[in-house]
Every structure is written in C-alpha cells, then in structure tokens.
Amino acid sequence: MPRHRWTTLARHLAEAVPAVLLAAMFLSFIVQVFMRYVMNDPVGWTVEVCVISWLWILLWGQSVAAREEDEIRFDIVYGSVSPRTRRVFRALFAIFLVVVYAVSLPALWDFVTFMRVQKTSYLDIRFNWVYSIALVFSAVTILRYVRILWTALTGREEAAAGPEVAARKDFSE
C-alpha cells in the first residue's frame, strides 16, 4: 500500500475515534433518560461513559484528529500584518506552546501514573487509563507545534497554515 493511502487511512481512523465516542456518549445518554424516566431506575454507569467519552473526544479530537485549518482563530491582527511578521508570530507562539507543554509533561506523567490507584465508581476503569489521553494530547501538541515552528522558520508557513492564508492571498490579488 502506498504511503499516501496509509496516511489517508490513518487520518480516517483518527477522525473516526471521536465519532464513535460521540455515538457511545449519545447512546449512554439515551439509556440514562430511558432508565430514569421510563423505568424509574436510574443507572450511574451512563454518566461515567458520557464524561469519559467527552474527555477523550475533546483531547483526541484536538490533538490527533483536528487539522490546523479546522481550528477557530481570532486573527484580525495576524491577517493584517505582513507575511514576514506572520512567520514571527507563528514561530514565537509555537516556541511558547512547545515550552509550556514540554515543561508540564513530567508533572502530567506523574499525575497520570499516580491515578492508577483509583478506579471509576461504576465501570471500575483505572483513572490512569481515563487520563492517559492527556499524555497523548500533550505529546501530539508538542510535535504539531514543533512542525509549525519548523515551517515558520523555513518560510513554508503558507502551506502549513491552511486555506485561510491561501484565501487571503487569493482575495488580495
């Protein structure tokens, strides 16, 4: 299988994870409503499924499944400055985020590994498994912003910045 097909398959699988988790969250919510209001016998495990699913949807989705052009930005200043200044902005912001996430990574690791001593109330899942997505989020975010830094330093920021930069370029011509 060619490399392009592997990366396309990996992207589709990464995007499927939040969709599956959202379906699990929705079904759990429906079960909870049914059990509480129809059967008059509420169940607690559905709340745990919803909370864990939501945590994983947010952190997996933002770190692994989301592309940079999918992010919402308030970029009035960024869009009004020269391409060189945009590169400086991107580089400085990337350096800032890489440093923040890299400095916090050991403490996050300690927290996640410490949480193996506790389990969820109903599903009996160890909390280190629940919170392990935070480690994935931090590691992937560091890698993403190292790549953004590299593209800013090498002058390839327009290709990495997504369609909004290309659209501004096309609009201004």
N, C-alpha and C. Protein backbone atom coordinates (compact mmCIF):
# COMPACT_ATOMS: atom_id res chain seq x y z
N MET A 1 0.84 -1.18 0.00
CA MET A 1 0.00 0.00 0.00
C MET A 1 0.89 1.24 0.00
N PRO A 2 0.66 2.17 -0.95
CA PRO A 2 1.49 3.38 -1.00
C PRO A 2 1.35 4.23 0.26
N ARG A 3 2.35 5.05 0.49
CA ARG A 3 2.39 5.87 1.70
C ARG A 3 1.17 6.79 1.79
N HIS A 4 0.76 7.36 0.67
CA HIS A 4 -0.39 8.26 0.67
C HIS A 4 -1.65 7.54 1.15
N ARG A 5 -1.83 6.31 0.74
CA ARG A 5 -3.01 5.55 1.16
C ARG A 5 -2.95 5.24 2.64
N TRP A 6 -1.75 4.97 3.17
CA TRP A 6 -1.61 4.71 4.60
C TRP A 6 -1.95 5.95 5.41
N THR A 7 -1.45 7.10 4.97
CA THR A 7 -1.73 8.32 5.72
C THR A 7 -3.21 8.69 5.63
N THR A 8 -3.82 8.44 4.46
CA THR A 8 -5.26 8.70 4.33
C THR A 8 -6.06 7.77 5.25
N LEU A 9 -5.68 6.51 5.28
CA LEU A 9 -6.35 5.56 6.17
C LEU A 9 -6.16 5.95 7.63
N ALA A 10 -4.95 6.34 8.00
CA ALA A 10 -4.68 6.76 9.39
C ALA A 10 -5.50 7.99 9.74
N ARG A 11 -5.61 8.94 8.82
CA ARG A 11 -6.41 10.15 9.07
C ARG A 11 -7.88 9.79 9.27
N HIS A 12 -8.40 8.89 8.42
CA HIS A 12 -9.81 8.49 8.56
C HIS A 12 -10.04 7.76 9.88
N LEU A 13 -9.11 6.92 10.28
CA LEU A 13 -9.26 6.22 11.56
C LEU A 13 -9.19 7.21 12.73
N ALA A 14 -8.27 8.16 12.64
CA ALA A 14 -8.16 9.17 13.70
C ALA A 14 -9.43 10.00 13.80
N GLU A 15 -10.04 10.30 12.67
CA GLU A 15 -11.28 11.07 12.68
C GLU A 15 -12.48 10.23 13.13
N ALA A 16 -12.38 8.91 12.99
CA ALA A 16 -13.48 8.03 13.38
C ALA A 16 -13.57 7.88 14.90
N VAL A 17 -12.47 8.02 15.60
CA VAL A 17 -12.47 7.82 17.05
C VAL A 17 -13.44 8.79 17.74
N PRO A 18 -13.37 10.10 17.49
CA PRO A 18 -14.36 10.98 18.14
C PRO A 18 -15.80 10.68 17.72
N ALA A 19 -15.99 10.25 16.48
CA ALA A 19 -17.35 9.92 16.03
C ALA A 19 -17.89 8.72 16.79
N VAL A 20 -17.08 7.70 16.97
CA VAL A 20 -17.51 6.51 17.72
C VAL A 20 -17.77 6.88 19.18
N LEU A 21 -16.90 7.69 19.75
CA LEU A 21 -17.09 8.12 21.14
C LEU A 21 -18.34 8.98 21.30
N LEU A 22 -18.62 9.82 20.32
CA LEU A 22 -19.83 10.63 20.38
C LEU A 22 -21.08 9.75 20.29
N ALA A 23 -21.02 8.71 19.46
CA ALA A 23 -22.14 7.76 19.38
C ALA A 23 -22.32 7.02 20.71
N ALA A 24 -21.22 6.60 21.33
CA ALA A 24 -21.31 5.93 22.64
C ALA A 24 -21.89 6.87 23.68
N MET A 25 -21.46 8.12 23.64
CA MET A 25 -21.97 9.11 24.59
C MET A 25 -23.47 9.33 24.38
N PHE A 26 -23.88 9.45 23.14
CA PHE A 26 -25.30 9.67 22.84
C PHE A 26 -26.14 8.47 23.27
N LEU A 27 -25.68 7.27 22.95
CA LEU A 27 -26.44 6.07 23.35
C LEU A 27 -26.52 5.94 24.86
N SER A 28 -25.43 6.26 25.54
CA SER A 28 -25.46 6.21 27.01
C SER A 28 -26.45 7.22 27.57
N PHE A 29 -26.49 8.39 26.96
CA PHE A 29 -27.44 9.40 27.39
C PHE A 29 -28.88 8.93 27.19
N ILE A 30 -29.14 8.30 26.05
CA ILE A 30 -30.49 7.78 25.77
C ILE A 30 -30.85 6.68 26.78
N VAL A 31 -29.91 5.80 27.07
CA VAL A 31 -30.16 4.75 28.07
C VAL A 31 -30.48 5.38 29.42
N GLN A 32 -29.71 6.41 29.78
CA GLN A 32 -29.94 7.07 31.07
C GLN A 32 -31.33 7.69 31.13
N VAL A 33 -31.73 8.38 30.08
CA VAL A 33 -33.06 9.00 30.05
C VAL A 33 -34.14 7.92 30.14
N PHE A 34 -33.98 6.85 29.40
CA PHE A 34 -34.95 5.75 29.41
C PHE A 34 -35.04 5.14 30.81
N MET A 35 -33.89 4.82 31.38
CA MET A 35 -33.89 4.16 32.69
C MET A 35 -34.45 5.09 33.78
N ARG A 36 -34.14 6.37 33.70
CA ARG A 36 -34.59 7.29 34.74
C ARG A 36 -36.07 7.61 34.61
N TYR A 37 -36.52 7.93 33.42
CA TYR A 37 -37.88 8.46 33.27
C TYR A 37 -38.92 7.42 32.84
N VAL A 38 -38.49 6.34 32.21
CA VAL A 38 -39.44 5.30 31.81
C VAL A 38 -39.45 4.17 32.83
N MET A 39 -38.27 3.70 33.19
CA MET A 39 -38.17 2.57 34.12
C MET A 39 -38.12 3.01 35.59
N ASN A 40 -37.90 4.30 35.83
CA ASN A 40 -37.78 4.85 37.17
C ASN A 40 -36.68 4.13 37.98
N ASP A 41 -35.59 3.80 37.29
CA ASP A 41 -34.46 3.09 37.90
C ASP A 41 -33.16 3.61 37.28
N PRO A 42 -32.70 4.81 37.70
CA PRO A 42 -31.51 5.40 37.06
C PRO A 42 -30.26 4.54 37.25
N VAL A 43 -29.39 4.60 36.26
CA VAL A 43 -28.13 3.87 36.32
C VAL A 43 -26.98 4.87 36.28
N GLY A 44 -25.91 4.59 37.00
CA GLY A 44 -24.80 5.52 37.11
C GLY A 44 -23.73 5.36 36.06
N TRP A 45 -23.61 4.17 35.50
CA TRP A 45 -22.51 3.93 34.56
C TRP A 45 -22.63 4.80 33.32
N THR A 46 -23.85 5.21 32.98
CA THR A 46 -24.02 6.03 31.78
C THR A 46 -23.37 7.40 31.93
N VAL A 47 -23.39 7.94 33.13
CA VAL A 47 -22.74 9.23 33.38
C VAL A 47 -21.23 9.08 33.20
N GLU A 48 -20.67 7.99 33.70
CA GLU A 48 -19.24 7.77 33.52
C GLU A 48 -18.88 7.63 32.04
N VAL A 49 -19.68 6.90 31.29
CA VAL A 49 -19.41 6.76 29.85
C VAL A 49 -19.45 8.12 29.18
N CYS A 50 -20.44 8.94 29.53
CA CYS A 50 -20.55 10.27 28.93
C CYS A 50 -19.35 11.16 29.27
N VAL A 51 -18.95 11.17 30.53
CA VAL A 51 -17.84 12.03 30.95
C VAL A 51 -16.52 11.56 30.33
N ILE A 52 -16.26 10.27 30.36
CA ILE A 52 -15.02 9.75 29.78
C ILE A 52 -15.01 9.96 28.27
N SER A 53 -16.13 9.71 27.63
CA SER A 53 -16.21 9.92 26.18
C SER A 53 -15.96 11.38 25.83
N TRP A 54 -16.56 12.29 26.58
CA TRP A 54 -16.38 13.71 26.31
C TRP A 54 -14.93 14.13 26.48
N LEU A 55 -14.29 13.67 27.53
CA LEU A 55 -12.87 13.96 27.75
C LEU A 55 -12.03 13.48 26.57
N TRP A 56 -12.26 12.26 26.15
CA TRP A 56 -11.50 11.69 25.04
C TRP A 56 -11.84 12.37 23.71
N ILE A 57 -13.10 12.72 23.51
CA ILE A 57 -13.47 13.43 22.28
C ILE A 57 -12.70 14.75 22.18
N LEU A 58 -12.69 15.50 23.27
CA LEU A 58 -12.02 16.80 23.25
C LEU A 58 -10.52 16.67 23.03
N LEU A 59 -9.88 15.84 23.82
CA LEU A 59 -8.42 15.78 23.75
C LEU A 59 -7.92 15.00 22.53
N TRP A 60 -8.56 13.90 22.18
CA TRP A 60 -8.19 13.16 20.98
C TRP A 60 -8.49 14.00 19.74
N GLY A 61 -9.69 14.56 19.74
CA GLY A 61 -10.09 15.33 18.58
C GLY A 61 -9.18 16.51 18.31
N GLN A 62 -8.80 17.24 19.35
CA GLN A 62 -7.95 18.40 19.16
C GLN A 62 -6.52 18.02 18.83
N SER A 63 -6.03 16.95 19.40
CA SER A 63 -4.62 16.63 19.18
C SER A 63 -4.38 15.76 17.96
N VAL A 64 -5.19 14.74 17.76
CA VAL A 64 -4.92 13.75 16.72
C VAL A 64 -5.78 13.97 15.48
N ALA A 65 -7.06 14.21 15.65
CA ALA A 65 -7.97 14.25 14.51
C ALA A 65 -8.06 15.62 13.85
N ALA A 66 -7.92 16.70 14.59
CA ALA A 66 -8.10 18.04 14.02
C ALA A 66 -6.88 18.46 13.20
N ARG A 67 -7.18 19.10 12.09
CA ARG A 67 -6.11 19.69 11.28
C ARG A 67 -6.00 21.15 11.68
N GLU A 68 -4.89 21.75 11.35
CA GLU A 68 -4.67 23.14 11.74
C GLU A 68 -5.72 24.06 11.13
N GLU A 69 -6.13 23.79 9.90
CA GLU A 69 -7.13 24.65 9.27
C GLU A 69 -8.53 24.49 9.88
N ASP A 70 -8.73 23.44 10.71
CA ASP A 70 -10.00 23.25 11.39
C ASP A 70 -10.14 24.12 12.64
N GLU A 71 -9.03 24.67 13.10
CA GLU A 71 -9.05 25.45 14.33
C GLU A 71 -9.69 26.81 14.09
N ILE A 72 -10.41 27.29 15.08
CA ILE A 72 -11.04 28.60 15.01
C ILE A 72 -10.08 29.60 15.65
N ARG A 73 -9.84 30.69 14.93
CA ARG A 73 -8.89 31.68 15.42
C ARG A 73 -9.48 33.07 15.35
N PHE A 74 -9.05 33.89 16.26
CA PHE A 74 -9.35 35.31 16.22
C PHE A 74 -8.10 35.96 15.65
N ASP A 75 -8.09 36.19 14.35
CA ASP A 75 -6.84 36.56 13.68
C ASP A 75 -6.88 37.91 12.97
N ILE A 76 -7.55 38.88 13.56
CA ILE A 76 -7.61 40.20 12.94
C ILE A 76 -6.20 40.79 12.81
N VAL A 77 -5.43 40.73 13.88
CA VAL A 77 -4.07 41.27 13.83
C VAL A 77 -3.21 40.41 12.92
N TYR A 78 -3.29 39.11 13.07
CA TYR A 78 -2.48 38.19 12.27
C TYR A 78 -2.73 38.39 10.77
N GLY A 79 -3.96 38.55 10.38
CA GLY A 79 -4.30 38.72 8.97
C GLY A 79 -3.94 40.07 8.41
N SER A 80 -3.69 41.06 9.27
CA SER A 80 -3.41 42.42 8.79
C SER A 80 -1.93 42.75 8.71
N VAL A 81 -1.07 41.83 9.12
CA VAL A 81 0.36 42.10 9.10
C VAL A 81 1.01 41.41 7.90
N SER A 82 2.25 41.74 7.67
CA SER A 82 2.99 41.19 6.52
C SER A 82 3.26 39.70 6.73
N PRO A 83 3.52 38.98 5.65
CA PRO A 83 3.85 37.54 5.78
C PRO A 83 5.06 37.29 6.68
N ARG A 84 6.04 38.18 6.64
CA ARG A 84 7.22 38.01 7.50
C ARG A 84 6.83 38.11 8.97
N THR A 85 5.98 39.08 9.31
CA THR A 85 5.53 39.24 10.70
C THR A 85 4.68 38.05 11.12
N ARG A 86 3.85 37.52 10.19
CA ARG A 86 3.08 36.31 10.50
C ARG A 86 4.00 35.15 10.83
N ARG A 87 5.10 35.02 10.09
CA ARG A 87 6.06 33.96 10.39
C ARG A 87 6.63 34.13 11.79
N VAL A 88 6.94 35.37 12.16
CA VAL A 88 7.47 35.64 13.50
C VAL A 88 6.42 35.29 14.55
N PHE A 89 5.17 35.70 14.33
CA PHE A 89 4.09 35.35 15.25
C PHE A 89 3.98 33.84 15.41
N ARG A 90 3.98 33.13 14.29
CA ARG A 90 3.83 31.67 14.34
C ARG A 90 5.00 31.03 15.08
N ALA A 91 6.20 31.52 14.81
CA ALA A 91 7.39 30.95 15.46
C ALA A 91 7.35 31.21 16.96
N LEU A 92 7.05 32.44 17.36
CA LEU A 92 7.03 32.77 18.79
C LEU A 92 5.94 31.99 19.53
N PHE A 93 4.76 31.91 18.93
CA PHE A 93 3.67 31.18 19.56
C PHE A 93 4.01 29.69 19.64
N ALA A 94 4.61 29.14 18.60
CA ALA A 94 4.99 27.73 18.61
C ALA A 94 6.04 27.46 19.69
N ILE A 95 7.03 28.32 19.80
CA ILE A 95 8.05 28.16 20.84
C ILE A 95 7.40 28.21 22.22
N PHE A 96 6.52 29.18 22.43
CA PHE A 96 5.83 29.31 23.70
C PHE A 96 5.07 28.03 24.06
N LEU A 97 4.27 27.52 23.12
CA LEU A 97 3.47 26.33 23.42
C LEU A 97 4.33 25.08 23.61
N VAL A 98 5.36 24.92 22.82
CA VAL A 98 6.24 23.76 22.99
C VAL A 98 6.88 23.79 24.37
N VAL A 99 7.35 24.96 24.79
CA VAL A 99 7.97 25.08 26.11
C VAL A 99 6.95 24.78 27.21
N VAL A 100 5.77 25.37 27.12
CA VAL A 100 4.74 25.16 28.16
C VAL A 100 4.38 23.68 28.26
N TYR A 101 4.09 23.05 27.13
CA TYR A 101 3.70 21.64 27.17
C TYR A 101 4.87 20.74 27.58
N ALA A 102 6.07 21.05 27.12
CA ALA A 102 7.23 20.22 27.47
C ALA A 102 7.55 20.34 28.96
N VAL A 103 7.44 21.53 29.52
CA VAL A 103 7.71 21.71 30.95
C VAL A 103 6.65 21.01 31.79
N SER A 104 5.41 21.02 31.32
CA SER A 104 4.33 20.41 32.11
C SER A 104 4.24 18.89 31.92
N LEU A 105 4.91 18.35 30.91
CA LEU A 105 4.80 16.92 30.63
C LEU A 105 5.23 16.01 31.78
N PRO A 106 6.34 16.27 32.47
CA PRO A 106 6.70 15.40 33.59
C PRO A 106 5.66 15.40 34.72
N ALA A 107 5.10 16.56 35.03
CA ALA A 107 4.06 16.62 36.07
C ALA A 107 2.80 15.89 35.61
N LEU A 108 2.47 16.02 34.35
CA LEU A 108 1.31 15.31 33.81
C LEU A 108 1.54 13.81 33.86
N TRP A 109 2.74 13.37 33.52
CA TRP A 109 3.09 11.95 33.61
C TRP A 109 2.94 11.45 35.05
N ASP A 110 3.46 12.23 36.00
CA ASP A 110 3.33 11.85 37.41
C ASP A 110 1.87 11.73 37.83
N PHE A 111 1.05 12.68 37.39
CA PHE A 111 -0.37 12.65 37.74
C PHE A 111 -1.06 11.42 37.16
N VAL A 112 -0.83 11.19 35.87
CA VAL A 112 -1.50 10.05 35.21
C VAL A 112 -1.06 8.74 35.83
N THR A 113 0.22 8.57 36.07
CA THR A 113 0.68 7.30 36.66
C THR A 113 0.23 7.16 38.11
N PHE A 114 0.13 8.27 38.84
CA PHE A 114 -0.38 8.22 40.21
C PHE A 114 -1.84 7.78 40.24
N MET A 115 -2.61 8.17 39.24
CA MET A 115 -4.04 7.90 39.24
C MET A 115 -4.38 6.42 39.03
N ARG A 116 -3.38 5.59 38.87
CA ARG A 116 -3.66 4.15 38.75
C ARG A 116 -4.17 3.57 40.07
N VAL A 117 -4.05 4.32 41.15
CA VAL A 117 -4.51 3.82 42.45
C VAL A 117 -6.02 3.95 42.63
N GLN A 118 -6.67 4.71 41.76
CA GLN A 118 -8.12 4.89 41.87
C GLN A 118 -8.82 4.37 40.62
N LYS A 119 -10.08 3.94 40.82
CA LYS A 119 -10.90 3.46 39.71
C LYS A 119 -12.21 4.23 39.68
N THR A 120 -12.84 4.22 38.51
CA THR A 120 -14.15 4.86 38.40
C THR A 120 -15.15 4.08 39.24
N SER A 121 -16.19 4.74 39.66
CA SER A 121 -17.15 4.16 40.60
C SER A 121 -17.94 2.99 40.03
N TYR A 122 -18.42 3.11 38.82
CA TYR A 122 -19.31 2.10 38.27
C TYR A 122 -18.61 1.13 37.31
N LEU A 123 -17.78 1.64 36.43
CA LEU A 123 -17.17 0.80 35.40
C LEU A 123 -15.85 0.16 35.85
N ASP A 124 -15.33 0.60 36.98
CA ASP A 124 -14.09 0.05 37.53
C ASP A 124 -12.90 0.21 36.58
N ILE A 125 -12.84 1.32 35.88
CA ILE A 125 -11.71 1.62 35.00
C ILE A 125 -10.71 2.43 35.79
N ARG A 126 -9.45 2.02 35.75
CA ARG A 126 -8.43 2.80 36.46
C ARG A 126 -8.29 4.18 35.84
N PHE A 127 -8.16 5.18 36.70
CA PHE A 127 -8.10 6.56 36.21
C PHE A 127 -6.85 6.85 35.38
N ASN A 128 -5.80 6.08 35.53
CA ASN A 128 -4.65 6.33 34.66
C ASN A 128 -5.01 6.02 33.20
N TRP A 129 -5.91 5.07 32.97
CA TRP A 129 -6.37 4.81 31.60
C TRP A 129 -7.28 5.93 31.13
N VAL A 130 -8.12 6.42 32.00
CA VAL A 130 -9.02 7.52 31.63
C VAL A 130 -8.22 8.76 31.25
N TYR A 131 -7.23 9.11 32.07
CA TYR A 131 -6.46 10.34 31.85
C TYR A 131 -5.26 10.16 30.93
N SER A 132 -5.01 8.96 30.44
CA SER A 132 -3.87 8.76 29.54
C SER A 132 -4.00 9.58 28.27
N ILE A 133 -5.20 9.93 27.89
CA ILE A 133 -5.40 10.76 26.71
C ILE A 133 -4.73 12.12 26.87
N ALA A 134 -4.57 12.60 28.09
CA ALA A 134 -3.90 13.88 28.31
C ALA A 134 -2.43 13.79 27.90
N LEU A 135 -1.81 12.64 28.11
CA LEU A 135 -0.42 12.46 27.66
C LEU A 135 -0.34 12.45 26.14
N VAL A 136 -1.29 11.77 25.51
CA VAL A 136 -1.33 11.76 24.04
C VAL A 136 -1.52 13.19 23.53
N PHE A 137 -2.47 13.90 24.14
CA PHE A 137 -2.74 15.29 23.75
C PHE A 137 -1.48 16.13 23.85
N SER A 138 -0.77 16.06 24.98
CA SER A 138 0.42 16.88 25.17
C SER A 138 1.53 16.51 24.19
N ALA A 139 1.78 15.22 24.02
CA ALA A 139 2.84 14.79 23.11
C ALA A 139 2.55 15.19 21.67
N VAL A 140 1.33 14.97 21.23
CA VAL A 140 0.97 15.31 19.85
C VAL A 140 0.98 16.83 19.66
N THR A 141 0.54 17.57 20.65
CA THR A 141 0.57 19.03 20.55
C THR A 141 1.99 19.54 20.45
N ILE A 142 2.90 18.97 21.23
CA ILE A 142 4.31 19.35 21.13
C ILE A 142 4.82 19.09 19.71
N LEU A 143 4.55 17.90 19.18
CA LEU A 143 5.01 17.57 17.83
C LEU A 143 4.38 18.49 16.79
N ARG A 144 3.09 18.78 16.95
CA ARG A 144 2.40 19.66 16.00
C ARG A 144 3.04 21.04 15.99
N TYR A 145 3.35 21.60 17.16
CA TYR A 145 3.91 22.94 17.20
C TYR A 145 5.40 22.98 16.88
N VAL A 146 6.09 21.88 17.03
CA VAL A 146 7.47 21.80 16.51
C VAL A 146 7.42 21.88 14.99
N ARG A 147 6.45 21.19 14.38
CA ARG A 147 6.29 21.25 12.93
C ARG A 147 5.91 22.66 12.48
N ILE A 148 5.00 23.30 13.22
CA ILE A 148 4.62 24.68 12.89
C ILE A 148 5.82 25.61 13.02
N LEU A 149 6.62 25.42 14.05
CA LEU A 149 7.84 26.22 14.22
C LEU A 149 8.78 26.01 13.03
N TRP A 150 8.96 24.76 12.65
CA TRP A 150 9.84 24.45 11.53
C TRP A 150 9.35 25.12 10.24
N THR A 151 8.06 25.04 9.98
CA THR A 151 7.53 25.66 8.76
C THR A 151 7.66 27.18 8.82
N ALA A 152 7.50 27.76 9.99
CA ALA A 152 7.66 29.21 10.11
C ALA A 152 9.11 29.62 9.91
N LEU A 153 10.03 28.85 10.46
CA LEU A 153 11.45 29.19 10.33
C LEU A 153 11.98 28.97 8.92
N THR A 154 11.41 28.01 8.22
CA THR A 154 11.88 27.72 6.86
C THR A 154 11.10 28.48 5.79
N GLY A 155 10.10 29.27 6.20
CA GLY A 155 9.35 30.06 5.25
C GLY A 155 8.25 29.32 4.53
N ARG A 156 7.85 28.18 5.05
CA ARG A 156 6.79 27.39 4.42
C ARG A 156 5.47 27.53 5.17
N GLU A 157 5.27 28.64 5.85
CA GLU A 157 4.09 28.77 6.69
C GLU A 157 2.79 28.81 5.92
N GLU A 158 2.79 29.29 4.70
CA GLU A 158 1.52 29.35 3.96
C GLU A 158 1.00 27.97 3.64
N ALA A 159 1.88 27.03 3.32
CA ALA A 159 1.44 25.67 3.04
C ALA A 159 0.90 25.01 4.30
N ALA A 160 1.50 25.32 5.44
CA ALA A 160 1.09 24.69 6.69
C ALA A 160 -0.07 25.41 7.35
N ALA A 161 -0.30 26.66 6.97
CA ALA A 161 -1.30 27.46 7.67
C ALA A 161 -2.72 27.13 7.26
N GLY A 162 -2.90 26.50 6.14
CA GLY A 162 -4.24 26.09 5.75
C GLY A 162 -4.89 27.05 4.79
N PRO A 163 -6.16 26.84 4.52
CA PRO A 163 -6.84 27.58 3.47
C PRO A 163 -7.08 29.05 3.78
N GLU A 164 -7.11 29.43 5.07
CA GLU A 164 -7.39 30.82 5.36
C GLU A 164 -6.30 31.75 4.84
N VAL A 165 -5.04 31.31 4.90
CA VAL A 165 -3.95 32.12 4.38
C VAL A 165 -4.01 32.15 2.86
N ALA A 166 -4.25 30.99 2.26
CA ALA A 166 -4.37 30.93 0.81
C ALA A 166 -5.55 31.76 0.32
N ALA A 167 -6.65 31.76 1.06
CA ALA A 167 -7.82 32.55 0.68
C ALA A 167 -7.50 34.04 0.75
N ARG A 168 -6.79 34.46 1.79
CA ARG A 168 -6.42 35.88 1.90
C ARG A 168 -5.51 36.26 0.75
N LYS A 169 -4.60 35.36 0.39
CA LYS A 169 -3.67 35.64 -0.70
C LYS A 169 -4.44 35.78 -2.02
N ASP A 170 -5.38 34.84 -2.27
CA ASP A 170 -6.17 34.90 -3.49
C ASP A 170 -7.04 36.14 -3.52
N PHE A 171 -7.60 36.51 -2.39
CA PHE A 171 -8.51 37.65 -2.31
C PHE A 171 -7.76 38.96 -2.57
N SER A 172 -6.52 39.03 -2.10
CA SER A 172 -5.76 40.27 -2.23
C SER A 172 -5.21 40.47 -3.63
N GLU A 173 -5.18 39.44 -4.44
CA GLU A 173 -4.62 39.57 -5.79
C GLU A 173 -5.62 40.15 -6.77
